[in-house]
PDB file of N, CA and C in Angstrom:
ATOM      1  N   MET A   1      -1.391  -7.688 -12.089  1.00  0.00           N
ATOM      2  CA  MET A   1      -1.223  -7.542 -10.666  1.00  0.00           C
ATOM      3  C   MET A   1      -0.452  -5.907 -10.991  1.00  0.00           C
ATOM      4  N   ILE A   2      -0.996  -5.237  -9.925  1.00  0.00           N
ATOM      5  CA  ILE A   2      -0.739  -3.877  -9.630  1.00  0.00           C
ATOM      6  C   ILE A   2      -0.195  -3.534  -8.247  1.00  0.00           C
ATOM      7  N   LEU A   3       0.839  -3.090  -8.148  1.00  0.00           N
ATOM      8  CA  LEU A   3       1.959  -2.809  -7.131  1.00  0.00           C
ATOM      9  C   LEU A   3       1.882  -1.202  -6.638  1.00  0.00           C
ATOM     10  N   TYR A   4       0.974  -0.883  -5.713  1.00  0.00           N
ATOM     11  CA  TYR A   4       0.628   0.190  -5.391  1.00  0.00           C
ATOM     12  C   TYR A   4       1.879   0.844  -4.236  1.00  0.00           C
ATOM     13  N   GLY A   5       2.590   1.983  -4.425  1.00  0.00           N
ATOM     14  CA  GLY A   5       3.829   1.967  -3.632  1.00  0.00           C
ATOM     15  C   GLY A   5       4.162   3.753  -3.915  1.00  0.00           C
ATOM     16  N   ILE A   6       5.666   3.700  -3.614  1.00  0.00           N
ATOM     17  CA  ILE A   6       6.090   5.021  -4.081  1.00  0.00           C
ATOM     18  C   ILE A   6       7.900   4.630  -4.512  1.00  0.00           C
ATOM     19  N   SER A   7       8.232   5.502  -5.498  1.00  0.00           N
ATOM     20  CA  SER A   7       9.327   4.983  -6.286  1.00  0.00           C
ATOM     21  C   SER A   7      10.425   5.077  -5.311  1.00  0.00           C
ATOM     22  N   THR A   8      10.451   5.806  -4.238  1.00  0.00           N
ATOM     23  CA  THR A   8      11.832   5.614  -3.490  1.00  0.00           C
ATOM     24  C   THR A   8      11.778   4.745  -2.408  1.00  0.00           C
ATOM     25  N   CYS A   9      10.589   3.650  -2.292  1.00  0.00           N
ATOM     26  CA  CYS A   9      10.624   2.833  -1.102  1.00  0.00           C
ATOM     27  C   CYS A   9      11.196   1.700  -1.863  1.00  0.00           C
ATOM     28  N   GLU A  10      12.318   1.266  -1.026  1.00  0.00           N
ATOM     29  CA  GLU A  10      13.054   0.241  -1.175  1.00  0.00           C
ATOM     30  C   GLU A  10      12.421  -1.275  -1.139  1.00  0.00           C
ATOM     31  N   THR A  11      11.588  -1.249  -0.151  1.00  0.00           N
ATOM     32  CA  THR A  11      10.575  -2.492   0.004  1.00  0.00           C
ATOM     33  C   THR A  11       9.603  -2.771  -1.532  1.00  0.00           C
ATOM     34  N   CYS A  12       9.274  -1.771  -1.877  1.00  0.00           N
ATOM     35  CA  CYS A  12       8.457  -1.804  -2.940  1.00  0.00           C
ATOM     36  C   CYS A  12       9.491  -2.262  -4.193  1.00  0.00           C
ATOM     37  N   LYS A  13      10.671  -1.825  -4.210  1.00  0.00           N
ATOM     38  CA  LYS A  13      11.398  -2.079  -5.285  1.00  0.00           C
ATOM     39  C   LYS A  13      11.999  -3.429  -5.111  1.00  0.00           C
ATOM     40  N   LYS A  14      12.087  -4.025  -4.007  1.00  0.00           N
ATOM     41  CA  LYS A  14      12.444  -5.568  -3.742  1.00  0.00           C
ATOM     42  C   LYS A  14      11.386  -6.243  -4.164  1.00  0.00           C
ATOM     43  N   ALA A  15      10.116  -5.872  -3.862  1.00  0.00           N
ATOM     44  CA  ALA A  15       8.833  -6.834  -4.186  1.00  0.00           C
ATOM     45  C   ALA A  15       8.796  -6.684  -5.628  1.00  0.00           C
ATOM     46  N   ILE A  16       9.227  -5.770  -6.536  1.00  0.00           N
ATOM     47  CA  ILE A  16       8.793  -5.537  -7.985  1.00  0.00           C
ATOM     48  C   ILE A  16      10.061  -6.969  -8.624  1.00  0.00           C
ATOM     49  N   ARG A  17      11.218  -6.438  -8.151  1.00  0.00           N
ATOM     50  CA  ARG A  17      12.326  -7.560  -8.465  1.00  0.00           C
ATOM     51  C   ARG A  17      11.790  -8.948  -8.372  1.00  0.00           C
ATOM     52  N   THR A  18      11.235  -9.012  -7.178  1.00  0.00           N
ATOM     53  CA  THR A  18      11.113 -10.633  -6.845  1.00  0.00           C
ATOM     54  C   THR A  18       9.937 -11.177  -7.674  1.00  0.00           C
ATOM     55  N   LEU A  19       8.937 -10.338  -7.660  1.00  0.00           N
ATOM     56  CA  LEU A  19       7.834 -10.925  -8.485  1.00  0.00           C
ATOM     57  C   LEU A  19       8.065 -10.854  -9.938  1.00  0.00           C
ATOM     58  N   GLU A  20       8.683 -10.039 -10.787  1.00  0.00           N
ATOM     59  CA  GLU A  20       9.230 -10.172 -12.105  1.00  0.00           C
ATOM     60  C   GLU A  20      10.067 -11.245 -12.087  1.00  0.00           C
ATOM     61  N   ALA A  21      10.963 -11.479 -11.290  1.00  0.00           N
ATOM     62  CA  ALA A  21      11.922 -12.637 -11.358  1.00  0.00           C
ATOM     63  C   ALA A  21      11.126 -14.095 -11.549  1.00  0.00           C
ATOM     64  N   ALA A  22       9.790 -14.071 -10.861  1.00  0.00           N
ATOM     65  CA  ALA A  22       8.902 -15.049 -10.639  1.00  0.00           C
ATOM     66  C   ALA A  22       8.099 -15.308 -11.828  1.00  0.00           C
ATOM     67  N   GLY A  23       8.287 -14.447 -12.733  1.00  0.00           N
ATOM     68  CA  GLY A  23       7.313 -14.255 -14.121  1.00  0.00           C
ATOM     69  C   GLY A  23       6.271 -13.521 -14.213  1.00  0.00           C
ATOM     70  N   HIS A  24       5.860 -12.693 -12.945  1.00  0.00           N
ATOM     71  CA  HIS A  24       4.817 -11.885 -12.931  1.00  0.00           C
ATOM     72  C   HIS A  24       4.925 -10.414 -13.568  1.00  0.00           C
ATOM     73  N   LYS A  25       3.819 -10.284 -14.306  1.00  0.00           N
ATOM     74  CA  LYS A  25       3.731  -8.992 -15.088  1.00  0.00           C
ATOM     75  C   LYS A  25       3.382  -8.041 -13.911  1.00  0.00           C
ATOM     76  N   ILE A  26       4.226  -6.953 -13.595  1.00  0.00           N
ATOM     77  CA  ILE A  26       3.674  -6.054 -12.754  1.00  0.00           C
ATOM     78  C   ILE A  26       3.476  -4.480 -13.329  1.00  0.00           C
ATOM     79  N   THR A  27       2.131  -4.067 -12.809  1.00  0.00           N
ATOM     80  CA  THR A  27       1.985  -2.844 -13.304  1.00  0.00           C
ATOM     81  C   THR A  27       2.502  -1.845 -11.964  1.00  0.00           C
ATOM     82  N   PHE A  28       3.086  -0.946 -11.916  1.00  0.00           N
ATOM     83  CA  PHE A  28       3.490  -0.123 -10.508  1.00  0.00           C
ATOM     84  C   PHE A  28       2.671   1.269 -10.712  1.00  0.00           C
ATOM     85  N   ARG A  29       2.138   1.367  -9.561  1.00  0.00           N
ATOM     86  CA  ARG A  29       1.440   2.721  -9.655  1.00  0.00           C
ATOM     87  C   ARG A  29       2.014   3.614  -8.195  1.00  0.00           C
ATOM     88  N   ASP A  30       2.641   4.629  -8.753  1.00  0.00           N
ATOM     89  CA  ASP A  30       3.263   5.429  -7.682  1.00  0.00           C
ATOM     90  C   ASP A  30       2.060   6.441  -7.222  1.00  0.00           C
ATOM     91  N   ILE A  31       1.769   6.103  -5.881  1.00  0.00           N
ATOM     92  CA  ILE A  31       0.674   6.940  -5.282  1.00  0.00           C
ATOM     93  C   ILE A  31       0.896   8.193  -4.879  1.00  0.00           C
ATOM     94  N   ARG A  32       2.210   8.789  -5.088  1.00  0.00           N
ATOM     95  CA  ARG A  32       2.444  10.284  -5.088  1.00  0.00           C
ATOM     96  C   ARG A  32       2.449  10.978  -6.450  1.00  0.00           C
ATOM     97  N   ALA A  33       2.592  10.166  -7.375  1.00  0.00           N
ATOM     98  CA  ALA A  33       2.427  10.909  -8.877  1.00  0.00           C
ATOM     99  C   ALA A  33       0.968  10.559  -9.309  1.00  0.00           C
ATOM    100  N   ASN A  34       0.124   9.596  -8.820  1.00  0.00           N
ATOM    101  CA  ASN A  34      -0.886   9.037  -9.254  1.00  0.00           C
ATOM    102  C   ASN A  34      -1.773   8.833  -8.099  1.00  0.00           C
ATOM    103  N   PRO A  35      -2.432  10.135  -7.477  1.00  0.00           N
ATOM    104  CA  PRO A  35      -3.017   9.436  -6.129  1.00  0.00           C
ATOM    105  C   PRO A  35      -4.377   8.485  -6.165  1.00  0.00           C
ATOM    106  N   LEU A  36      -4.683   7.543  -5.328  1.00  0.00           N
ATOM    107  CA  LEU A  36      -5.657   6.898  -5.263  1.00  0.00           C
ATOM    108  C   LEU A  36      -7.098   7.611  -5.449  1.00  0.00           C
ATOM    109  N   SER A  37      -7.859   7.070  -5.978  1.00  0.00           N
ATOM    110  CA  SER A  37      -9.553   7.664  -6.002  1.00  0.00           C
ATOM    111  C   SER A  37     -10.042   7.179  -4.953  1.00  0.00           C
ATOM    112  N   THR A  38     -11.581   7.871  -4.628  1.00  0.00           N
ATOM    113  CA  THR A  38     -12.058   7.795  -3.349  1.00  0.00           C
ATOM    114  C   THR A  38     -12.478   6.315  -3.113  1.00  0.00           C
ATOM    115  N   ALA A  39     -12.847   5.506  -4.515  1.00  0.00           N
ATOM    116  CA  ALA A  39     -13.168   4.226  -4.592  1.00  0.00           C
ATOM    117  C   ALA A  39     -12.269   3.451  -4.122  1.00  0.00           C
ATOM    118  N   GLU A  40     -10.716   3.803  -4.627  1.00  0.00           N
ATOM    119  CA  GLU A  40      -9.705   2.728  -4.341  1.00  0.00           C
ATOM    120  C   GLU A  40      -9.588   2.829  -2.946  1.00  0.00           C
ATOM    121  N   ILE A  41      -9.637   4.055  -2.220  1.00  0.00           N
ATOM    122  CA  ILE A  41      -9.061   4.005  -1.134  1.00  0.00           C
ATOM    123  C   ILE A  41     -10.349   3.349  -0.205  1.00  0.00           C
ATOM    124  N   SER A  42     -11.481   3.486  -0.558  1.00  0.00           N
ATOM    125  CA  SER A  42     -12.687   2.685   0.200  1.00  0.00           C
ATOM    126  C   SER A  42     -12.518   1.149   0.078  1.00  0.00           C
ATOM    127  N   ALA A  43     -12.179   0.648  -1.043  1.00  0.00           N
ATOM    128  CA  ALA A  43     -11.706  -0.746  -1.207  1.00  0.00           C
ATOM    129  C   ALA A  43     -10.849  -1.181  -0.180  1.00  0.00           C
ATOM    130  N   ILE A  44      -9.552  -0.275  -0.326  1.00  0.00           N
ATOM    131  CA  ILE A  44      -8.362  -0.794   0.399  1.00  0.00           C
ATOM    132  C   ILE A  44      -8.755  -0.654   1.940  1.00  0.00           C
ATOM    133  N   VAL A  45      -9.460   0.241   2.385  1.00  0.00           N
ATOM    134  CA  VAL A  45      -9.923   0.068   4.008  1.00  0.00           C
ATOM    135  C   VAL A  45     -10.813  -0.731   4.220  1.00  0.00           C
ATOM    136  N   GLN A  46     -12.041  -1.081   3.245  1.00  0.00           N
ATOM    137  CA  GLN A  46     -12.948  -1.923   3.571  1.00  0.00           C
ATOM    138  C   GLN A  46     -12.079  -3.440   3.685  1.00  0.00           C
ATOM    139  N   GLU A  47     -10.958  -3.630   2.931  1.00  0.00           N
ATOM    140  CA  GLU A  47     -10.221  -4.939   2.994  1.00  0.00           C
ATOM    141  C   GLU A  47      -9.452  -5.041   4.289  1.00  0.00           C
ATOM    142  N   PHE A  48      -8.751  -4.017   4.411  1.00  0.00           N
ATOM    143  CA  PHE A  48      -7.537  -3.912   5.588  1.00  0.00           C
ATOM    144  C   PHE A  48      -8.000  -3.077   7.064  1.00  0.00           C
ATOM    145  N   GLY A  49      -9.165  -2.121   6.888  1.00  0.00           N
ATOM    146  CA  GLY A  49      -9.250  -1.476   8.389  1.00  0.00           C
ATOM    147  C   GLY A  49      -8.239  -0.660   8.272  1.00  0.00           C
ATOM    148  N   ASP A  50      -8.401  -0.106   9.462  1.00  0.00           N
ATOM    149  CA  ASP A  50      -6.981   0.792   9.846  1.00  0.00           C
ATOM    150  C   ASP A  50      -5.474   0.329   9.879  1.00  0.00           C
ATOM    151  N   ARG A  51      -5.340  -1.122   9.871  1.00  0.00           N
ATOM    152  CA  ARG A  51      -4.005  -1.877   9.851  1.00  0.00           C
ATOM    153  C   ARG A  51      -3.382  -1.624   8.324  1.00  0.00           C
ATOM    154  N   VAL A  52      -3.820  -0.744   7.753  1.00  0.00           N
ATOM    155  CA  VAL A  52      -3.002  -0.396   6.383  1.00  0.00           C
ATOM    156  C   VAL A  52      -2.511   0.756   6.532  1.00  0.00           C
ATOM    157  N   ILE A  53      -2.686   1.702   7.871  1.00  0.00           N
ATOM    158  CA  ILE A  53      -2.035   2.784   8.129  1.00  0.00           C
ATOM    159  C   ILE A  53      -0.850   2.323   8.586  1.00  0.00           C
ATOM    160  N   ASN A  54       0.297   2.843   8.520  1.00  0.00           N
ATOM    161  CA  ASN A  54       1.765   2.640   9.082  1.00  0.00           C
ATOM    162  C   ASN A  54       1.943   3.669  10.144  1.00  0.00           C
ATOM    163  N   LYS A  55       1.410   3.404  11.229  1.00  0.00           N
ATOM    164  CA  LYS A  55       1.143   4.251  12.431  1.00  0.00           C
ATOM    165  C   LYS A  55       2.694   4.257  13.109  1.00  0.00           C
ATOM    166  N   GLN A  56       3.640   3.632  12.436  1.00  0.00           N
ATOM    167  CA  GLN A  56       5.037   4.099  12.938  1.00  0.00           C
ATOM    168  C   GLN A  56       5.872   4.931  11.785  1.00  0.00           C
ATOM    169  N   SER A  57       5.346   5.491  10.980  1.00  0.00           N
ATOM    170  CA  SER A  57       5.945   6.261   9.883  1.00  0.00           C
ATOM    171  C   SER A  57       6.149   7.822  10.562  1.00  0.00           C
ATOM    172  N   THR A  58       6.943   8.422   9.783  1.00  0.00           N
ATOM    173  CA  THR A  58       6.865   9.804  10.145  1.00  0.00           C
ATOM    174  C   THR A  58       5.839  10.296   9.389  1.00  0.00           C
ATOM    175  N   THR A  59       5.415  10.024   8.857  1.00  0.00           N
ATOM    176  CA  THR A  59       4.149  10.732   8.111  1.00  0.00           C
ATOM    177  C   THR A  59       2.957  10.796   9.150  1.00  0.00           C
ATOM    178  N   TYR A  60       2.889   9.626   9.643  1.00  0.00           N
ATOM    179  CA  TYR A  60       1.703   9.234  10.398  1.00  0.00           C
ATOM    180  C   TYR A  60       1.847  10.162  11.744  1.00  0.00           C
ATOM    181  N   ARG A  61       3.461  10.329  12.227  1.00  0.00           N
ATOM    182  CA  ARG A  61       3.476  10.940  13.602  1.00  0.00           C
ATOM    183  C   ARG A  61       3.628  12.629  13.242  1.00  0.00           C
ATOM    184  N   SER A  62       3.592  12.980  12.159  1.00  0.00           N
ATOM    185  CA  SER A  62       3.335  14.224  11.660  1.00  0.00           C
ATOM    186  C   SER A  62       2.176  14.785  11.785  1.00  0.00           C
ATOM    187  N   PHE A  63       1.071  14.096  11.540  1.00  0.00           N
ATOM    188  CA  PHE A  63      -0.026  14.261  11.880  1.00  0.00           C
ATOM    189  C   PHE A  63      -0.858  15.108  12.479  1.00  0.00           C
ATOM    190  N   SER A  64      -1.573  16.159  12.544  1.00  0.00           N
ATOM    191  CA  SER A  64      -2.237  16.684  13.729  1.00  0.00           C
ATOM    192  C   SER A  64      -2.920  15.711  14.616  1.00  0.00           C
ATOM    193  N   ASP A  65      -3.396  16.192  15.499  1.00  0.00           N
ATOM    194  CA  ASP A  65      -4.269  15.198  16.338  1.00  0.00           C
ATOM    195  C   ASP A  65      -5.658  14.744  15.633  1.00  0.00           C
ATOM    196  N   PHE A  66      -5.930  16.055  15.077  1.00  0.00           N
ATOM    197  CA  PHE A  66      -7.488  15.879  14.434  1.00  0.00           C
ATOM    198  C   PHE A  66      -6.882  14.633  13.491  1.00  0.00           C
ATOM    199  N   LEU A  67      -6.105  14.958  12.653  1.00  0.00           N
ATOM    200  CA  LEU A  67      -6.098  14.028  11.457  1.00  0.00           C
ATOM    201  C   LEU A  67      -5.520  12.753  11.970  1.00  0.00           C
ATOM    202  N   ARG A  68      -4.832  12.388  13.217  1.00  0.00           N
ATOM    203  CA  ARG A  68      -4.745  11.215  13.516  1.00  0.00           C
ATOM    204  C   ARG A  68      -5.857  10.446  14.178  1.00  0.00           C
ATOM    205  N   MET A  69      -6.713  11.130  14.904  1.00  0.00           N
ATOM    206  CA  MET A  69      -8.023  10.599  15.220  1.00  0.00           C
ATOM    207  C   MET A  69      -9.074  10.483  13.919  1.00  0.00           C
ATOM    208  N   SER A  70      -8.917  10.932  12.934  1.00  0.00           N
ATOM    209  CA  SER A  70      -9.774  10.449  11.787  1.00  0.00           C
ATOM    210  C   SER A  70      -9.827   9.386  11.298  1.00  0.00           C
ATOM    211  N   GLU A  71     -10.662   8.636  10.311  1.00  0.00           N
ATOM    212  CA  GLU A  71     -10.840   7.502   9.842  1.00  0.00           C
ATOM    213  C   GLU A  71      -9.762   7.299   8.907  1.00  0.00           C
ATOM    214  N   ALA A  72      -9.290   6.098   8.597  1.00  0.00           N
ATOM    215  CA  ALA A  72      -8.129   5.837   7.695  1.00  0.00           C
ATOM    216  C   ALA A  72      -8.413   6.312   6.363  1.00  0.00           C
ATOM    217  N   GLU A  73      -9.693   6.320   5.804  1.00  0.00           N
ATOM    218  CA  GLU A  73     -10.089   6.825   4.541  1.00  0.00           C
ATOM    219  C   GLU A  73      -9.108   8.302   4.492  1.00  0.00           C
ATOM    220  N   GLU A  74      -9.456   9.188   5.575  1.00  0.00           N
ATOM    221  CA  GLU A  74      -9.302  10.708   5.452  1.00  0.00           C
ATOM    222  C   GLU A  74      -7.703  10.913   5.573  1.00  0.00           C
ATOM    223  N   GLN A  75      -7.273   9.514   6.471  1.00  0.00           N
ATOM    224  CA  GLN A  75      -5.859   9.654   6.631  1.00  0.00           C
ATOM    225  C   GLN A  75      -5.047   9.520   5.088  1.00  0.00           C
ATOM    226  N   ILE A  76      -5.422   8.699   4.374  1.00  0.00           N
ATOM    227  CA  ILE A  76      -4.770   8.218   3.045  1.00  0.00           C
ATOM    228  C   ILE A  76      -5.252   8.923   1.962  1.00  0.00           C
ATOM    229  N   ALA A  77      -6.349   9.631   2.182  1.00  0.00           N
ATOM    230  CA  ALA A  77      -6.868  10.829   1.310  1.00  0.00           C
ATOM    231  C   ALA A  77      -6.034  12.301   1.641  1.00  0.00           C
ATOM    232  N   ALA A  78      -5.465  12.447   2.650  1.00  0.00           N
ATOM    233  CA  ALA A  78      -4.699  13.660   2.870  1.00  0.00           C
ATOM    234  C   ALA A  78      -3.323  13.429   2.593  1.00  0.00           C
ATOM    235  N   GLN A  79      -2.780  12.302   3.050  1.00  0.00           N
ATOM    236  CA  GLN A  79      -1.512  11.962   2.790  1.00  0.00           C
ATOM    237  C   GLN A  79      -1.040  10.415   2.230  1.00  0.00           C
ATOM    238  N   PRO A  80      -1.026   9.645   0.944  1.00  0.00           N
ATOM    239  CA  PRO A  80      -1.260   8.548   0.602  1.00  0.00           C
ATOM    240  C   PRO A  80       0.128   7.852   1.063  1.00  0.00           C
ATOM    241  N   THR A  81       1.003   8.357   1.490  1.00  0.00           N
ATOM    242  CA  THR A  81       2.129   7.813   1.850  1.00  0.00           C
ATOM    243  C   THR A  81       2.232   6.957   3.325  1.00  0.00           C
ATOM    244  N   VAL A  82       1.028   7.574   4.026  1.00  0.00           N
ATOM    245  CA  VAL A  82       1.052   6.567   5.105  1.00  0.00           C
ATOM    246  C   VAL A  82       0.410   5.321   5.243  1.00  0.00           C
ATOM    247  N   MET A  83      -0.107   4.923   4.022  1.00  0.00           N
ATOM    248  CA  MET A  83      -0.136   3.417   3.836  1.00  0.00           C
ATOM    249  C   MET A  83       1.114   2.891   4.019  1.00  0.00           C
ATOM    250  N   LYS A  84       0.570   1.361   4.501  1.00  0.00           N
ATOM    251  CA  LYS A  84       1.793   0.723   4.704  1.00  0.00           C
ATOM    252  C   LYS A  84       2.397   0.160   3.068  1.00  0.00           C
ATOM    253  N   ARG A  85       3.270  -0.461   2.886  1.00  0.00           N
ATOM    254  CA  ARG A  85       4.006  -0.822   1.509  1.00  0.00           C
ATOM    255  C   ARG A  85       4.699  -1.860   1.469  1.00  0.00           C
ATOM    256  N   PRO A  86       4.466  -2.508   0.282  1.00  0.00           N
ATOM    257  CA  PRO A  86       3.768  -2.194  -0.956  1.00  0.00           C
ATOM    258  C   PRO A  86       2.265  -2.886  -0.799  1.00  0.00           C
ATOM    259  N   LEU A  87       1.428  -2.167  -1.503  1.00  0.00           N
ATOM    260  CA  LEU A  87      -0.031  -2.622  -1.447  1.00  0.00           C
ATOM    261  C   LEU A  87      -0.108  -3.078  -2.679  1.00  0.00           C
ATOM    262  N   ILE A  88      -0.632  -4.697  -2.914  1.00  0.00           N
ATOM    263  CA  ILE A  88      -0.717  -5.293  -4.041  1.00  0.00           C
ATOM    264  C   ILE A  88      -1.918  -5.969  -4.321  1.00  0.00           C
ATOM    265  N   HIS A  89      -2.517  -5.567  -5.815  1.00  0.00           N
ATOM    266  CA  HIS A  89      -3.640  -6.000  -6.156  1.00  0.00           C
ATOM    267  C   HIS A  89      -3.816  -7.063  -7.223  1.00  0.00           C
ATOM    268  N   ALA A  90      -3.995  -8.490  -6.748  1.00  0.00           N
ATOM    269  CA  ALA A  90      -3.632  -9.541  -7.716  1.00  0.00           C
ATOM    270  C   ALA A  90      -4.621 -10.497  -7.825  1.00  0.00           C
ATOM    271  N   ASP A  91      -5.382 -10.693  -8.724  1.00  0.00           N
ATOM    272  CA  ASP A  91      -6.386 -11.887  -8.900  1.00  0.00           C
ATOM    273  C   ASP A  91      -7.682 -11.505  -8.379  1.00  0.00           C
ATOM    274  N   GLY A  92      -7.955 -10.339  -8.053  1.00  0.00           N
ATOM    275  CA  GLY A  92      -9.337  -9.878  -7.324  1.00  0.00           C
ATOM    276  C   GLY A  92      -8.867  -9.621  -5.747  1.00  0.00           C
ATOM    277  N   LYS A  93      -7.625 -10.121  -5.395  1.00  0.00           N
ATOM    278  CA  LYS A  93      -7.287 -10.253  -3.888  1.00  0.00           C
ATOM    279  C   LYS A  93      -6.375  -8.832  -3.549  1.00  0.00           C
ATOM    280  N   TRP A  94      -6.428  -8.249  -2.593  1.00  0.00           N
ATOM    281  CA  TRP A  94      -5.447  -7.247  -1.794  1.00  0.00           C
ATOM    282  C   TRP A  94      -4.419  -7.801  -0.941  1.00  0.00           C
ATOM    283  N   TYR A  95      -3.230  -7.350  -1.020  1.00  0.00           N
ATOM    284  CA  TYR A  95      -2.469  -7.828  -0.041  1.00  0.00           C
ATOM    285  C   TYR A  95      -1.411  -6.597   0.612  1.00  0.00           C
ATOM    286  N   VAL A  96      -0.858  -6.635   1.618  1.00  0.00           N
ATOM    287  CA  VAL A  96      -0.269  -5.362   2.181  1.00  0.00           C
ATOM    288  C   VAL A  96       0.959  -5.861   2.773  1.00  0.00           C
ATOM    289  N   GLY A  97       1.982  -5.134   2.739  1.00  0.00           N
ATOM    290  CA  GLY A  97       3.557  -5.538   3.110  1.00  0.00           C
ATOM    291  C   GLY A  97       4.200  -6.666   2.300  1.00  0.00           C
ATOM    292  N   TRP A  98       5.118  -6.948   2.507  1.00  0.00           N
ATOM    293  CA  TRP A  98       5.787  -8.082   1.911  1.00  0.00           C
ATOM    294  C   TRP A  98       6.579  -9.024   2.943  1.00  0.00           C
ATOM    295  N   ASP A  99       5.942  -9.471   3.604  1.00  0.00           N
ATOM    296  CA  ASP A  99       6.141 -10.325   4.509  1.00  0.00           C
ATOM    297  C   ASP A  99       6.181 -11.745   4.186  1.00  0.00           C
ATOM    298  N   ASP A 100       6.497 -12.687   4.853  1.00  0.00           N
ATOM    299  CA  ASP A 100       6.543 -14.336   4.440  1.00  0.00           C
ATOM    300  C   ASP A 100       5.057 -14.605   3.808  1.00  0.00           C
ATOM    301  N   ALA A 101       3.999 -14.356   4.780  1.00  0.00           N
ATOM    302  CA  ALA A 101       2.907 -14.389   4.084  1.00  0.00           C
ATOM    303  C   ALA A 101       2.171 -14.057   2.950  1.00  0.00           C
ATOM    304  N   VAL A 102       2.722 -12.809   2.505  1.00  0.00           N
ATOM    305  CA  VAL A 102       2.523 -12.216   1.137  1.00  0.00           C
ATOM    306  C   VAL A 102       3.383 -12.865   0.100  1.00  0.00           C
ATOM    307  N   GLN A 103       4.641 -13.199   0.690  1.00  0.00           N
ATOM    308  CA  GLN A 103       5.235 -13.675  -0.490  1.00  0.00           C
ATOM    309  C   GLN A 103       4.770 -15.101  -0.749  1.00  0.00           C
ATOM    310  N   THR A 104       4.422 -15.970   0.148  1.00  0.00           N
ATOM    311  CA  THR A 104       4.020 -17.161   0.043  1.00  0.00           C
ATOM    312  C   THR A 104       3.050 -17.325  -0.940  1.00  0.00           C
ATOM    313  N   ALA A 105       1.852 -16.511  -0.546  1.00  0.00           N
ATOM    314  CA  ALA A 105       0.713 -16.386  -1.264  1.00  0.00           C
ATOM    315  C   ALA A 105       0.818 -15.987  -2.874  1.00  0.00           C
ATOM    316  N   LEU A 106       1.855 -14.950  -3.379  1.00  0.00           N
ATOM    317  CA  LEU A 106       2.032 -14.633  -4.522  1.00  0.00           C
ATOM    318  C   LEU A 106       3.168 -15.337  -5.345  1.00  0.00           C
ATOM    319  N   LEU A 107       3.814 -15.872  -4.377  1.00  0.00           N
ATOM    320  CA  LEU A 107       5.138 -16.553  -5.392  1.00  0.00           C
ATOM    321  C   LEU A 107       4.773 -18.044  -5.159  1.00  0.00           C
ATOM    322  N   GLY A 108       4.272 -18.594  -4.092  1.00  0.00           N
ATOM    323  CA  GLY A 108       3.872 -20.051  -4.062  1.00  0.00           C
ATOM    324  C   GLY A 108       4.683 -20.919  -3.161  1.00  0.00           C
TER     325      GLY A 108
END
Protein backbone atom coordinates (compact mmCIF):
# COMPACT_ATOMS: atom_id res chain seq x y z
CA MET A 1 0.00 0.00 0.00
CA ILE A 2 1.40 3.37 -1.03
CA LEU A 3 0.13 6.57 0.54
CA TYR A 4 0.91 9.70 -1.47
CA GLY A 5 0.87 12.99 0.41
CA ILE A 6 3.06 15.55 2.11
CA SER A 7 4.85 15.11 5.42
CA THR A 8 3.12 18.09 7.04
CA CYS A 9 -0.43 16.95 6.20
CA GLU A 10 -2.31 16.02 9.38
CA THR A 11 -4.86 13.95 7.45
CA CYS A 12 -2.06 11.91 5.87
CA LYS A 13 -0.49 11.34 9.30
CA LYS A 14 -3.84 10.23 10.72
CA ALA A 15 -4.42 7.85 7.79
CA ILE A 16 -0.96 6.31 8.21
CA ARG A 17 -1.45 5.79 11.96
CA THR A 18 -4.88 4.23 11.46
CA LEU A 19 -3.80 1.95 8.62
CA GLU A 20 -0.66 0.79 10.45
CA ALA A 21 -2.68 0.13 13.61
CA ALA A 22 -4.95 -2.09 11.49
CA GLY A 23 -1.90 -4.09 10.37
CA HIS A 24 -1.28 -2.57 6.93
CA LYS A 25 2.27 -2.00 5.74
CA ILE A 26 2.41 1.57 4.43
CA THR A 27 4.94 3.06 2.06
CA PHE A 28 4.72 6.84 2.38
CA ARG A 29 5.61 8.89 -0.66
CA ASP A 30 6.14 12.60 -0.07
CA ILE A 31 5.10 14.17 -3.36
CA ARG A 32 7.12 17.30 -2.65
CA ALA A 33 10.37 15.43 -2.07
CA ASN A 34 9.69 12.75 -4.69
CA PRO A 35 7.40 14.22 -7.38
CA LEU A 36 5.04 12.06 -9.39
CA SER A 37 6.05 10.91 -12.85
CA THR A 38 3.99 11.81 -15.91
CA ALA A 39 2.71 8.22 -16.03
CA GLU A 40 1.65 8.33 -12.37
CA ILE A 41 -0.15 11.64 -12.86
CA SER A 42 -1.94 10.24 -15.92
CA ALA A 43 -3.06 7.14 -14.01
CA ILE A 44 -4.39 9.24 -11.13
CA VAL A 45 -6.25 11.65 -13.39
CA GLN A 46 -7.62 8.78 -15.46
CA GLU A 47 -9.03 7.29 -12.24
CA PHE A 48 -10.46 10.45 -10.67
CA GLY A 49 -10.59 13.17 -13.32
CA ASP A 50 -10.45 16.72 -12.03
CA ARG A 51 -12.05 15.74 -8.71
CA VAL A 52 -8.52 14.85 -7.54
CA ILE A 53 -7.79 18.60 -7.57
CA ASN A 54 -8.41 20.38 -4.27
CA LYS A 55 -10.07 23.52 -5.59
CA GLN A 56 -10.49 24.89 -2.05
CA SER A 57 -6.75 24.86 -1.36
CA THR A 58 -4.56 27.93 -1.18
CA THR A 59 -2.35 26.26 -3.80
CA TYR A 60 -5.22 26.13 -6.30
CA ARG A 61 -6.38 29.66 -5.46
CA SER A 62 -2.84 30.95 -6.10
CA PHE A 63 -2.82 29.56 -9.64
CA SER A 64 -2.87 31.96 -12.55
CA ASP A 65 -6.05 32.02 -14.61
CA PHE A 66 -4.20 30.09 -17.32
CA LEU A 67 -3.19 27.30 -14.96
CA ARG A 68 -6.64 27.21 -13.36
CA MET A 69 -8.13 26.59 -16.81
CA SER A 70 -5.54 23.90 -17.62
CA GLU A 71 -6.15 20.17 -17.41
CA ALA A 72 -5.66 18.38 -14.09
CA GLU A 73 -2.44 16.77 -15.37
CA GLU A 74 -0.84 20.17 -15.92
CA GLN A 75 -2.01 21.45 -12.54
CA ILE A 76 -0.53 18.47 -10.68
CA ALA A 77 2.70 18.61 -12.69
CA ALA A 78 3.05 22.32 -11.88
CA GLN A 79 2.23 21.95 -8.19
CA PRO A 80 1.70 18.41 -6.83
CA THR A 81 0.31 19.69 -3.53
CA VAL A 82 -2.86 20.75 -5.35
CA MET A 83 -4.01 17.11 -5.18
CA LYS A 84 -6.50 16.07 -2.54
CA ARG A 85 -4.76 14.07 0.16
CA PRO A 86 -4.11 11.40 1.01
CA LEU A 87 -4.02 9.51 -2.24
CA ILE A 88 -3.73 5.78 -1.59
CA HIS A 89 -2.87 2.97 -4.01
CA ALA A 90 -3.70 -0.46 -2.60
CA ASP A 91 -4.24 -3.80 -4.31
CA GLY A 92 -4.42 -2.19 -7.74
CA LYS A 93 -7.07 0.35 -6.69
CA TRP A 94 -6.86 4.08 -6.05
CA TYR A 95 -8.51 5.96 -3.19
CA VAL A 96 -8.56 9.71 -2.61
CA GLY A 97 -9.16 11.42 0.71
CA TRP A 98 -9.77 9.92 4.13
CA ASP A 99 -13.53 9.90 4.42
CA ASP A 100 -15.80 7.13 5.74
CA ALA A 101 -16.02 5.40 2.35
CA VAL A 102 -12.23 5.17 1.98
CA GLN A 103 -11.80 3.99 5.57
CA THR A 104 -14.49 1.33 5.13
CA ALA A 105 -12.91 0.11 1.89
CA LEU A 106 -9.43 -0.14 3.40
CA LEU A 107 -10.20 -1.16 6.96
CA GLY A 108 -13.27 -3.31 6.43
